[in-house]
Amino acid sequence: MKREIKFRVWDKASNQMLDNDCLLHGDYGEWPRIVFALNGEDADYTLMQFTGLTDKNGTEIYEGDVVELHGQLFAAVYDAPQFWLSKDGSPDGLEDTFYSDSGMLYEVVGNVYENPELLRT
């Protein structure tokens, strides 16, 4: 399966999500700092990669998204070489891998940055 390589960024200073278009075209005005985030050199930004999957509503699923599957909530986590479902949003809470043929079952309900309460037990 070939997937499109796309990213989005969580801007910690302004508490807003910056989408792939902003990254590609530099619409945000912080382009140089976002590029540093790619190298892990800027603590103000968190980079999230597209999983290559969409949910049952056609919403793209990125790292850090919270998805509902069979009535349970999981975060999308990347742990090389694949994306995983995590109960607590960390690699320590990995439950299962994402399956491309299960996309119709997933539903994005938020993300760990804007909706951290979704994964709290």
C-alpha atoms as a PDB file:
ATOM      1  CA  MET A   1       0.000   0.000   0.000  1.00  0.00           C
ATOM      2  CA  LYS A   2       1.383   3.370  -0.996  1.00  0.00           C
ATOM      3  CA  ARG A   3       0.489   6.260   1.266  1.00  0.00           C
ATOM      4  CA  GLU A   4       0.808   9.983   0.945  1.00  0.00           C
ATOM      5  CA  ILE A   5       3.451  11.502   3.234  1.00  0.00           C
ATOM      6  CA  LYS A   6       1.874  14.433   5.088  1.00  0.00           C
ATOM      7  CA  PHE A   7       2.342  16.110   8.441  1.00  0.00           C
ATOM      8  CA  ARG A   8       0.619  18.504  10.768  1.00  0.00           C
ATOM      9  CA  VAL A   9       2.070  20.379  13.730  1.00  0.00           C
ATOM     10  CA  TRP A  10       0.776  21.215  17.200  1.00  0.00           C
ATOM     11  CA  ASP A  11       1.949  24.712  18.123  1.00  0.00           C
ATOM     12  CA  LYS A  12       2.375  24.593  21.895  1.00  0.00           C
ATOM     13  CA  ALA A  13       2.724  28.353  22.287  1.00  0.00           C
ATOM     14  CA  SER A  14      -0.558  29.251  20.576  1.00  0.00           C
ATOM     15  CA  ASN A  15      -2.373  25.950  21.282  1.00  0.00           C
ATOM     16  CA  GLN A  16      -3.391  25.470  17.683  1.00  0.00           C
ATOM     17  CA  MET A  17      -3.042  22.769  15.075  1.00  0.00           C
ATOM     18  CA  LEU A  18      -1.220  23.686  11.854  1.00  0.00           C
ATOM     19  CA  ASP A  19      -2.168  21.588   8.850  1.00  0.00           C
ATOM     20  CA  ASN A  20      -0.158  20.201   5.955  1.00  0.00           C
ATOM     21  CA  ASP A  21      -0.983  23.172   3.688  1.00  0.00           C
ATOM     22  CA  CYS A  22       0.520  25.548   6.232  1.00  0.00           C
ATOM     23  CA  LEU A  23       3.682  23.448   6.362  1.00  0.00           C
ATOM     24  CA  LEU A  24       4.016  23.201   2.594  1.00  0.00           C
ATOM     25  CA  HIS A  25       3.296  26.832   1.808  1.00  0.00           C
ATOM     26  CA  GLY A  26       4.606  28.597   4.914  1.00  0.00           C
ATOM     27  CA  ASP A  27       1.347  30.456   5.510  1.00  0.00           C
ATOM     28  CA  TYR A  28       1.927  30.585   9.253  1.00  0.00           C
ATOM     29  CA  GLY A  29       4.951  32.887   9.309  1.00  0.00           C
ATOM     30  CA  GLU A  30       6.832  30.501  11.597  1.00  0.00           C
ATOM     31  CA  TRP A  31       8.121  28.348   8.764  1.00  0.00           C
ATOM     32  CA  PRO A  32      11.804  28.252   9.854  1.00  0.00           C
ATOM     33  CA  ARG A  33      10.873  27.170  13.386  1.00  0.00           C
ATOM     34  CA  ILE A  34       8.543  24.480  12.073  1.00  0.00           C
ATOM     35  CA  VAL A  35      11.350  23.117   9.903  1.00  0.00           C
ATOM     36  CA  PHE A  36      13.462  22.829  13.064  1.00  0.00           C
ATOM     37  CA  ALA A  37      10.634  20.820  14.614  1.00  0.00           C
ATOM     38  CA  LEU A  38      11.227  18.224  11.914  1.00  0.00           C
ATOM     39  CA  ASN A  39      14.680  17.732  13.396  1.00  0.00           C
ATOM     40  CA  GLY A  40      13.442  17.730  16.987  1.00  0.00           C
ATOM     41  CA  GLU A  41      15.249  20.995  17.672  1.00  0.00           C
ATOM     42  CA  ASP A  42      12.286  23.146  18.669  1.00  0.00           C
ATOM     43  CA  ALA A  43      10.283  22.307  21.762  1.00  0.00           C
ATOM     44  CA  ASP A  44       7.494  24.716  20.741  1.00  0.00           C
ATOM     45  CA  TYR A  45       6.143  22.345  18.097  1.00  0.00           C
ATOM     46  CA  THR A  46       5.097  18.703  17.993  1.00  0.00           C
ATOM     47  CA  LEU A  47       5.189  17.086  14.569  1.00  0.00           C
ATOM     48  CA  MET A  48       2.555  14.462  13.667  1.00  0.00           C
ATOM     49  CA  GLN A  49       2.612  12.203  10.629  1.00  0.00           C
ATOM     50  CA  PHE A  50      -0.396  11.081   8.559  1.00  0.00           C
ATOM     51  CA  THR A  51      -1.077   7.365   9.064  1.00  0.00           C
ATOM     52  CA  GLY A  52      -2.262   6.911   5.492  1.00  0.00           C
ATOM     53  CA  LEU A  53      -5.706   5.935   6.792  1.00  0.00           C
ATOM     54  CA  THR A  54      -9.043   7.692   6.968  1.00  0.00           C
ATOM     55  CA  ASP A  55     -11.853   7.015   9.395  1.00  0.00           C
ATOM     56  CA  LYS A  56     -15.416   6.004   8.534  1.00  0.00           C
ATOM     57  CA  ASN A  57     -16.256   9.669   7.823  1.00  0.00           C
ATOM     58  CA  GLY A  58     -13.300  10.208   5.494  1.00  0.00           C
ATOM     59  CA  THR A  59     -11.288  12.150   8.111  1.00  0.00           C
ATOM     60  CA  GLU A  60      -7.537  11.641   7.821  1.00  0.00           C
ATOM     61  CA  ILE A  61      -5.969   9.940  10.855  1.00  0.00           C
ATOM     62  CA  TYR A  62      -2.711  11.459  12.164  1.00  0.00           C
ATOM     63  CA  GLU A  63      -0.397  10.595  15.023  1.00  0.00           C
ATOM     64  CA  GLY A  64      -1.950  11.968  18.187  1.00  0.00           C
ATOM     65  CA  ASP A  65      -5.527  11.579  16.975  1.00  0.00           C
ATOM     66  CA  VAL A  66      -7.940   9.910  19.345  1.00  0.00           C
ATOM     67  CA  VAL A  67     -10.073   7.329  17.591  1.00  0.00           C
ATOM     68  CA  GLU A  68     -13.045   5.343  18.743  1.00  0.00           C
ATOM     69  CA  LEU A  69     -13.091   1.662  17.848  1.00  0.00           C
ATOM     70  CA  HIS A  70     -15.771  -0.724  19.157  1.00  0.00           C
ATOM     71  CA  GLY A  71     -16.729   1.746  21.901  1.00  0.00           C
ATOM     72  CA  GLN A  72     -13.160   2.177  23.177  1.00  0.00           C
ATOM     73  CA  LEU A  73     -10.866   5.187  22.768  1.00  0.00           C
ATOM     74  CA  PHE A  74      -7.301   4.907  21.504  1.00  0.00           C
ATOM     75  CA  ALA A  75      -4.595   7.331  20.406  1.00  0.00           C
ATOM     76  CA  ALA A  76      -2.699   6.888  17.157  1.00  0.00           C
ATOM     77  CA  VAL A  77       0.977   6.395  18.058  1.00  0.00           C
ATOM     78  CA  TYR A  78       3.935   5.818  15.733  1.00  0.00           C
ATOM     79  CA  ASP A  79       6.440   3.218  16.905  1.00  0.00           C
ATOM     80  CA  ALA A  80       8.666   2.237  13.990  1.00  0.00           C
ATOM     81  CA  PRO A  81       7.886   0.785  11.613  1.00  0.00           C
ATOM     82  CA  GLN A  82       4.125   1.179  12.025  1.00  0.00           C
ATOM     83  CA  PHE A  83       1.241   3.043  13.627  1.00  0.00           C
ATOM     84  CA  TRP A  84      -0.370   1.593  16.719  1.00  0.00           C
ATOM     85  CA  LEU A  85      -3.488   2.033  18.821  1.00  0.00           C
ATOM     86  CA  SER A  86      -2.559   3.122  22.350  1.00  0.00           C
ATOM     87  CA  LYS A  87      -4.876   3.274  25.356  1.00  0.00           C
ATOM     88  CA  ASP A  88      -2.942   6.086  27.026  1.00  0.00           C
ATOM     89  CA  GLY A  89      -1.340   7.852  24.049  1.00  0.00           C
ATOM     90  CA  SER A  90       2.154   6.537  24.728  1.00  0.00           C
ATOM     91  CA  PRO A  91       4.236   3.690  23.298  1.00  0.00           C
ATOM     92  CA  ASP A  92       3.884   1.997  26.704  1.00  0.00           C
ATOM     93  CA  GLY A  93       0.121   1.643  26.199  1.00  0.00           C
ATOM     94  CA  LEU A  94       0.234  -0.027  22.777  1.00  0.00           C
ATOM     95  CA  GLU A  95      -2.701  -2.325  22.156  1.00  0.00           C
ATOM     96  CA  ASP A  96      -2.813  -3.198  18.463  1.00  0.00           C
ATOM     97  CA  THR A  97      -1.741  -2.002  15.038  1.00  0.00           C
ATOM     98  CA  PHE A  98      -3.877   0.078  12.701  1.00  0.00           C
ATOM     99  CA  TYR A  99      -5.335  -1.971   9.887  1.00  0.00           C
ATOM    100  CA  SER A 100      -6.117  -0.353   6.549  1.00  0.00           C
ATOM    101  CA  ASP A 101      -9.124  -2.604   6.023  1.00  0.00           C
ATOM    102  CA  SER A 102     -10.599  -1.495   9.370  1.00  0.00           C
ATOM    103  CA  GLY A 103     -10.771   2.199   8.448  1.00  0.00           C
ATOM    104  CA  MET A 104     -14.531   1.994   8.179  1.00  0.00           C
ATOM    105  CA  LEU A 105     -14.644   1.116  11.870  1.00  0.00           C
ATOM    106  CA  TYR A 106     -12.440   3.943  13.216  1.00  0.00           C
ATOM    107  CA  GLU A 107     -13.850   7.368  14.037  1.00  0.00           C
ATOM    108  CA  VAL A 108     -11.647  10.344  14.884  1.00  0.00           C
ATOM    109  CA  VAL A 109     -13.167  12.003  17.963  1.00  0.00           C
ATOM    110  CA  GLY A 110     -10.346  14.425  18.833  1.00  0.00           C
ATOM    111  CA  ASN A 111      -6.629  14.495  19.481  1.00  0.00           C
ATOM    112  CA  VAL A 112      -4.349  14.241  22.494  1.00  0.00           C
ATOM    113  CA  TYR A 113      -3.424  17.954  22.381  1.00  0.00           C
ATOM    114  CA  GLU A 114      -6.813  19.616  22.087  1.00  0.00           C
ATOM    115  CA  ASN A 115      -8.756  16.892  23.922  1.00  0.00           C
ATOM    116  CA  PRO A 116      -6.398  15.242  26.473  1.00  0.00           C
ATOM    117  CA  GLU A 117      -9.362  14.369  28.677  1.00  0.00           C
ATOM    118  CA  LEU A 118     -10.499  11.746  26.162  1.00  0.00           C
ATOM    119  CA  LEU A 119      -7.761   9.317  27.240  1.00  0.00           C
ATOM    120  CA  ARG A 120      -7.924   9.974  30.968  1.00  0.00           C
ATOM    121  CA  THR A 121      -9.307   7.066  32.943  1.00  0.00           C
END
